[in-house]
Each structure stands twice: as structure tokens, then as C-alpha cells.
Protein backbone atom coordinates (compact mmCIF):
# COMPACT_ATOMS: atom_id res chain seq x y z
CA MET A 1 -17.11 -30.73 -11.37
CA ASN A 2 -18.80 -29.32 -14.41
CA ALA A 3 -18.20 -25.55 -14.40
CA THR A 4 -21.27 -24.85 -16.54
CA LEU A 5 -23.51 -26.67 -14.10
CA ALA A 6 -21.99 -24.73 -11.18
CA ILE A 7 -22.52 -21.40 -12.99
CA ASP A 8 -26.10 -22.31 -13.85
CA ASN A 9 -26.83 -22.65 -10.15
CA LEU A 10 -25.72 -19.07 -9.43
CA SER A 11 -28.10 -16.13 -9.37
CA ARG A 12 -27.74 -13.47 -12.06
CA ALA A 13 -26.03 -11.15 -9.55
CA GLU A 14 -23.57 -13.90 -8.58
CA GLN A 15 -22.85 -14.63 -12.24
CA LEU A 16 -22.14 -10.95 -12.92
CA HIS A 17 -19.86 -10.81 -9.89
CA LEU A 18 -18.04 -13.91 -11.11
CA LEU A 19 -17.68 -12.40 -14.58
CA GLN A 20 -16.28 -9.16 -13.14
CA THR A 21 -13.82 -11.12 -11.00
CA LEU A 22 -12.63 -13.08 -14.04
CA VAL A 23 -12.20 -9.92 -16.12
CA ASP A 24 -10.30 -8.22 -13.28
CA ARG A 25 -7.93 -11.16 -13.00
CA LEU A 26 -7.43 -11.63 -16.72
CA TYR A 27 -7.02 -7.92 -17.49
CA PRO A 28 -5.77 -6.18 -14.37
CA GLU A 29 -5.58 -2.42 -14.57
CA SER A 30 -2.03 -1.26 -14.57
CA LYS A 31 -1.35 1.73 -12.37
CA PRO A 32 0.78 4.49 -13.82
CA GLU A 33 4.26 4.47 -12.29
CA LYS A 34 3.75 7.99 -11.01
CA GLU A 35 0.90 6.81 -8.73
CA GLU A 36 2.99 4.00 -7.28
CA ALA A 37 5.97 6.19 -6.43
CA PHE A 38 6.21 8.65 -3.58
CA PRO A 39 5.42 12.25 -4.50
CA ASP A 40 8.43 14.36 -5.49
CA TRP A 41 8.17 16.56 -2.38
CA VAL A 42 8.41 13.49 -0.12
CA MET A 43 11.51 12.23 -1.90
CA LYS A 44 13.11 15.69 -1.72
CA GLU A 45 12.43 15.93 2.01
CA LEU A 46 13.87 12.46 2.62
CA GLU A 47 17.01 13.34 0.66
CA GLU A 48 17.42 16.58 2.62
CA GLN A 49 16.89 14.74 5.90
CA ASP A 50 19.51 12.16 4.89
CA VAL A 51 22.02 14.96 4.27
CA ARG A 52 21.22 16.55 7.66
CA VAL A 53 21.77 13.22 9.43
CA LYS A 54 25.06 12.56 7.58
CA THR A 55 26.40 16.04 8.39
CA GLY A 56 25.41 15.80 12.04
CA LEU A 57 22.75 18.52 11.92
CA GLU A 58 20.05 16.02 12.79
CA LYS A 59 20.15 12.82 14.80
CA SER A 60 18.48 9.56 13.96
CA GLU A 61 17.12 7.22 16.60
CA PRO A 62 16.24 3.55 16.37
CA TRP A 63 12.50 2.85 15.99
CA GLU A 64 12.36 1.10 19.38
CA VAL A 65 13.64 4.23 21.16
CA VAL A 66 11.19 6.50 19.36
CA ARG A 67 8.33 4.10 20.01
CA GLU A 68 9.06 3.96 23.74
CA ARG A 69 9.19 7.77 23.93
CA LEU A 70 5.90 8.11 22.06
CA ASP A 71 4.30 5.51 24.33
CA ARG A 72 5.41 7.43 27.40
CA GLU A 73 4.14 10.74 26.02
CA PHE A 74 0.80 9.66 24.61
CA LEU A 75 -0.25 6.40 26.24
CA ARG A 76 0.13 7.37 29.88
């Protein structure tokens, strides 16, 4: 298939959309690492929770158990 012929059959709006799609794929925006990571306060809370679980101050339950309890409390 001739790509030029296919592009010629597109409306101006479709051509602009195609151009934007090509630019986005050729030059993707890189996200700063800070945006991809969890916020510091979340990481701190998870670390503190891990310590509480390891020292026996807090208990951890399997997801299936928690899910069943939540289903009983909120879906009935």
C-alpha cells in the first residue's frame, strides 16, 4: 500500500491526529522519576508498618481473608 495515497485520503483533522500520534511515539515524554515513585510519606508509612508487623505490634492478614471480611461488612 502506498502510504502517501492513504494519507491523502484522510481529512485534515485525521492527518493532524496521525502526525501527533507519530510524534508521540517517536518522541515520548519522559516522566521525572519523582512522579513515578510513591510519595515519601507513603514509603515512610510502609516502612513503619513493616517494623510493626515484624515486632508483633500489628498483624498482617492474607488478602483473601481481608476481602471476605470486607464483603461481609459492606456487601450484605
